[in-house]
Amino acid sequence: EPKEPREPKEPPAPIPVVDPATGQVKYVPRDQAVGMTPPQFMESLTPKERQQREAKFPQATSAVKTFETTSNTLIKDLETLSKHPGLGSITGIAAGRLPGITSAGREAEAVFDKIVARGGFQELQNMRQASPTGGALGNVSNQEGAQLRQAFAALDRRQDAGSVRKAITDAVNQIRTSQQTIKDAYDMTYEYKQGGGAAPAPAATKSGATVSNW
């Protein structure tokens, strides 16, 4: 027997999302809400705090990406110096006080000087300035800057090559720790965006609660 025709299903009820243009809650069809911010992730911020963070979002995002890129380059330079055949000729009580004599020594010295010049991490200062008021990014960048400067202070050519290599390893580990800490602080500061809002975040947020997977 022919089946009775099914009654047409009612369209899904609209769901609340945060309008990225106004910051206000509005109701939209589910297919339009994919990737937008659920309202519960905005409740912990006052309108003023949200406005301040949104205003700084492009600058903070750029600062985090720049730090990641430059710190990866610095890690490569450190690893190059650690394995460089000329490292032994520019370290130690005597050689560490003199310019590189051999060709390999001069190359290693150039890499060493380049690394030391980058130990100040201007990107961290830029990141602090880019941090929204009340966000975690600025405070974290200050703390990480102090720890990185301390790690780089241990890079002293007057030590023997083995000690310098250990200091290089410690510096690399500290950079990688700082990269993760900065990323976590960025995610925390902009956790309410949850992949939505005016601009996309460069990294996945922690809870992953977006409209698309409610």
Protein backbone atom coordinates (compact mmCIF):
# COMPACT_ATOMS: atom_id res chain seq x y z
CA GLU A 1 0.00 0.00 0.00
CA PRO A 2 1.30 3.47 -0.75
CA LYS A 3 2.71 5.22 2.28
CA GLU A 4 0.93 8.22 3.61
CA PRO A 5 2.72 11.44 2.70
CA ARG A 6 4.80 12.82 5.52
CA GLU A 7 3.99 16.17 6.89
CA PRO A 8 6.70 18.72 6.11
CA LYS A 9 9.07 19.28 9.01
CA GLU A 10 9.17 22.65 10.63
CA PRO A 11 12.43 24.50 10.06
CA PRO A 12 14.83 24.40 13.03
CA ALA A 13 14.27 27.14 15.56
CA PRO A 14 16.67 30.08 15.32
CA ILE A 15 19.52 30.06 17.82
CA PRO A 16 21.16 32.93 19.68
CA VAL A 17 24.55 34.24 18.57
CA VAL A 18 26.58 37.40 19.11
CA ASP A 19 26.40 39.87 16.26
CA PRO A 20 30.08 40.66 15.46
CA ALA A 21 29.12 44.13 14.23
CA THR A 22 27.20 45.28 17.30
CA GLY A 23 28.23 42.85 20.04
CA GLN A 24 24.55 42.24 20.77
CA VAL A 25 22.75 38.89 20.91
CA LYS A 26 20.52 38.08 17.95
CA TYR A 27 18.71 34.99 16.64
CA VAL A 28 19.62 33.54 13.27
CA PRO A 29 18.99 30.24 11.43
CA ARG A 30 21.43 27.51 12.39
CA ASP A 31 23.08 27.39 8.97
CA GLN A 32 23.92 31.10 9.25
CA ALA A 33 25.19 30.73 12.81
CA VAL A 34 28.02 28.31 12.04
CA GLY A 35 31.29 29.73 13.32
CA MET A 36 29.68 32.63 15.20
CA THR A 37 30.15 33.23 18.92
CA PRO A 38 27.59 31.72 21.33
CA PRO A 39 26.31 34.37 23.75
CA GLN A 40 27.34 32.49 26.90
CA PHE A 41 31.01 33.13 26.06
CA MET A 42 30.45 36.88 26.19
CA GLU A 43 28.72 36.96 29.56
CA SER A 44 31.93 37.17 31.61
CA LEU A 45 33.08 40.37 29.88
CA THR A 46 31.61 43.81 30.31
CA PRO A 47 30.77 45.71 27.12
CA LYS A 48 33.74 48.01 27.74
CA GLU A 49 36.17 45.09 28.19
CA ARG A 50 34.83 43.40 25.09
CA GLN A 51 35.19 46.60 23.08
CA GLN A 52 38.79 47.06 24.26
CA ARG A 53 39.73 43.50 23.37
CA GLU A 54 38.09 43.67 19.97
CA ALA A 55 39.90 46.92 19.19
CA LYS A 56 43.24 45.26 19.97
CA PHE A 57 42.47 41.92 18.33
CA PRO A 58 44.24 42.51 14.96
CA GLN A 59 47.32 43.98 16.65
CA ALA A 60 47.51 41.21 19.26
CA THR A 61 47.07 38.53 16.60
CA SER A 62 49.86 40.03 14.51
CA ALA A 63 52.15 40.26 17.55
CA VAL A 64 51.61 36.61 18.47
CA LYS A 65 52.27 35.44 14.91
CA THR A 66 55.40 37.59 14.69
CA PHE A 67 56.75 36.20 17.96
CA GLU A 68 56.14 32.64 16.80
CA THR A 69 57.92 33.24 13.50
CA THR A 70 60.93 35.07 14.91
CA SER A 71 61.35 32.69 17.84
CA ASN A 72 61.36 29.72 15.45
CA THR A 73 64.13 31.45 13.49
CA LEU A 74 66.05 32.01 16.70
CA ILE A 75 65.73 28.33 17.63
CA LYS A 76 67.25 27.41 14.26
CA ASP A 77 70.16 29.81 14.85
CA LEU A 78 70.77 28.34 18.31
CA GLU A 79 70.76 24.79 16.97
CA THR A 80 73.13 25.86 14.18
CA LEU A 81 75.54 27.37 16.71
CA SER A 82 75.40 24.29 18.94
CA LYS A 83 76.48 22.05 16.05
CA HIS A 84 78.88 24.52 14.43
CA PRO A 85 82.45 23.22 14.02
CA GLY A 86 83.84 26.63 14.94
CA LEU A 87 82.17 26.84 18.35
CA GLY A 88 85.17 25.35 20.15
CA SER A 89 87.50 27.98 18.70
CA ILE A 90 85.49 30.94 20.06
CA THR A 91 84.74 29.62 23.58
CA GLY A 92 86.82 29.21 26.70
CA ILE A 93 88.75 31.48 29.05
CA ALA A 94 91.12 32.74 26.34
CA ALA A 95 89.35 32.22 22.99
CA GLY A 96 86.09 33.52 24.43
CA ARG A 97 87.66 36.95 24.88
CA LEU A 98 89.10 37.20 21.36
CA PRO A 99 87.63 37.49 17.88
CA GLY A 100 87.36 34.31 15.85
CA ILE A 101 90.71 33.47 14.26
CA THR A 102 89.79 30.64 11.92
CA SER A 103 87.21 30.85 9.16
CA ALA A 104 84.90 28.48 11.04
CA GLY A 105 85.43 30.50 14.21
CA ARG A 106 84.43 33.73 12.50
CA GLU A 107 81.29 32.08 11.15
CA ALA A 108 80.38 30.76 14.60
CA GLU A 109 81.06 34.17 16.14
CA ALA A 110 78.71 35.82 13.63
CA VAL A 111 75.93 33.40 14.55
CA PHE A 112 76.62 33.93 18.26
CA ASP A 113 76.46 37.73 17.91
CA LYS A 114 73.23 37.47 15.95
CA ILE A 115 71.67 35.37 18.69
CA VAL A 116 72.78 37.66 21.50
CA ALA A 117 71.39 40.68 19.65
CA ARG A 118 67.99 38.96 19.55
CA GLY A 119 67.99 38.09 23.25
CA GLY A 120 66.00 41.22 24.11
CA PHE A 121 62.94 39.94 22.23
CA GLN A 122 61.42 43.20 21.04
CA GLU A 123 58.42 41.14 19.90
CA LEU A 124 57.50 40.53 23.55
CA GLN A 125 57.48 44.26 24.21
CA ASN A 126 55.33 44.77 21.13
CA MET A 127 53.02 42.05 22.37
CA ARG A 128 52.63 43.72 25.75
CA GLN A 129 51.64 46.94 24.02
CA ALA A 130 49.20 45.03 21.81
CA SER A 131 47.56 43.30 24.75
CA PRO A 132 44.00 44.35 25.50
CA THR A 133 43.29 45.87 28.89
CA GLY A 134 42.36 43.06 31.24
CA GLY A 135 43.73 40.37 28.92
CA ALA A 136 46.33 37.82 29.90
CA LEU A 137 48.67 38.48 27.01
CA GLY A 138 50.48 41.54 28.34
CA ASN A 139 51.27 40.14 31.78
CA VAL A 140 52.47 36.86 30.31
CA SER A 141 54.71 38.60 27.78
CA ASN A 142 56.40 40.50 30.62
CA GLN A 143 57.05 37.31 32.58
CA GLU A 144 58.28 35.40 29.55
CA GLY A 145 60.55 38.28 28.58
CA ALA A 146 62.27 38.17 31.96
CA GLN A 147 62.74 34.40 31.77
CA LEU A 148 64.11 34.53 28.24
CA ARG A 149 66.58 37.28 29.14
CA GLN A 150 67.77 35.15 32.05
CA ALA A 151 68.20 32.14 29.75
CA PHE A 152 70.19 34.17 27.24
CA ALA A 153 72.39 35.67 29.96
CA ALA A 154 73.88 32.18 30.38
CA LEU A 155 75.27 32.28 26.83
CA ASP A 156 78.81 33.35 27.64
CA ARG A 157 81.71 32.64 25.27
CA ARG A 158 84.13 32.62 28.20
CA GLN A 159 82.68 29.26 29.23
CA ASP A 160 83.89 26.06 27.63
CA ALA A 161 82.09 24.71 24.57
CA GLY A 162 80.21 22.06 26.55
CA SER A 163 78.77 24.64 28.93
CA VAL A 164 77.78 26.88 26.03
CA ARG A 165 75.99 23.98 24.35
CA LYS A 166 74.08 23.28 27.57
CA ALA A 167 73.11 26.95 27.80
CA ILE A 168 71.91 26.78 24.20
CA THR A 169 69.74 23.75 25.00
CA ASP A 170 68.26 25.55 28.00
CA ALA A 171 67.56 28.64 25.88
CA VAL A 172 65.81 26.57 23.20
CA ASN A 173 63.66 24.87 25.83
CA GLN A 174 62.74 28.23 27.33
CA ILE A 175 61.77 29.64 23.93
CA ARG A 176 59.49 26.69 23.24
CA THR A 177 57.94 27.04 26.69
CA SER A 178 57.36 30.73 26.03
CA GLN A 179 55.75 29.98 22.67
CA GLN A 180 53.22 27.69 24.33
CA THR A 181 52.61 30.09 27.21
CA ILE A 182 52.01 32.99 24.82
CA LYS A 183 49.64 30.87 22.73
CA ASP A 184 47.70 29.83 25.84
CA ALA A 185 47.47 33.46 26.98
CA TYR A 186 46.21 34.52 23.57
CA ASP A 187 43.59 31.77 23.58
CA MET A 188 42.53 32.76 27.09
CA THR A 189 42.24 36.43 26.21
CA TYR A 190 40.10 35.71 23.15
CA GLU A 191 38.42 32.54 24.35
CA TYR A 192 35.01 34.19 24.07
CA LYS A 193 35.43 34.44 20.30
CA GLN A 194 35.50 30.65 19.93
CA GLY A 195 36.48 30.92 16.27
CA GLY A 196 33.80 33.49 15.52
CA GLY A 197 33.61 37.25 15.80
CA ALA A 198 35.11 39.92 13.65
CA ALA A 199 38.28 38.00 12.73
CA PRO A 200 39.53 34.41 13.01
CA ALA A 201 41.97 33.43 15.74
CA PRO A 202 45.28 31.91 14.53
CA ALA A 203 44.99 28.87 16.79
CA ALA A 204 42.18 26.64 18.00
CA THR A 205 40.68 27.66 21.34
CA LYS A 206 40.58 25.36 24.31
CA SER A 207 36.91 24.44 24.74
CA GLY A 208 35.97 24.27 21.07
CA ALA A 209 32.33 25.18 21.83
CA THR A 210 31.19 26.81 18.61
CA VAL A 211 27.78 26.87 17.02
CA SER A 212 28.84 24.20 14.57
CA ASN A 213 29.30 21.53 17.26
CA TRP A 214 26.65 22.33 19.84
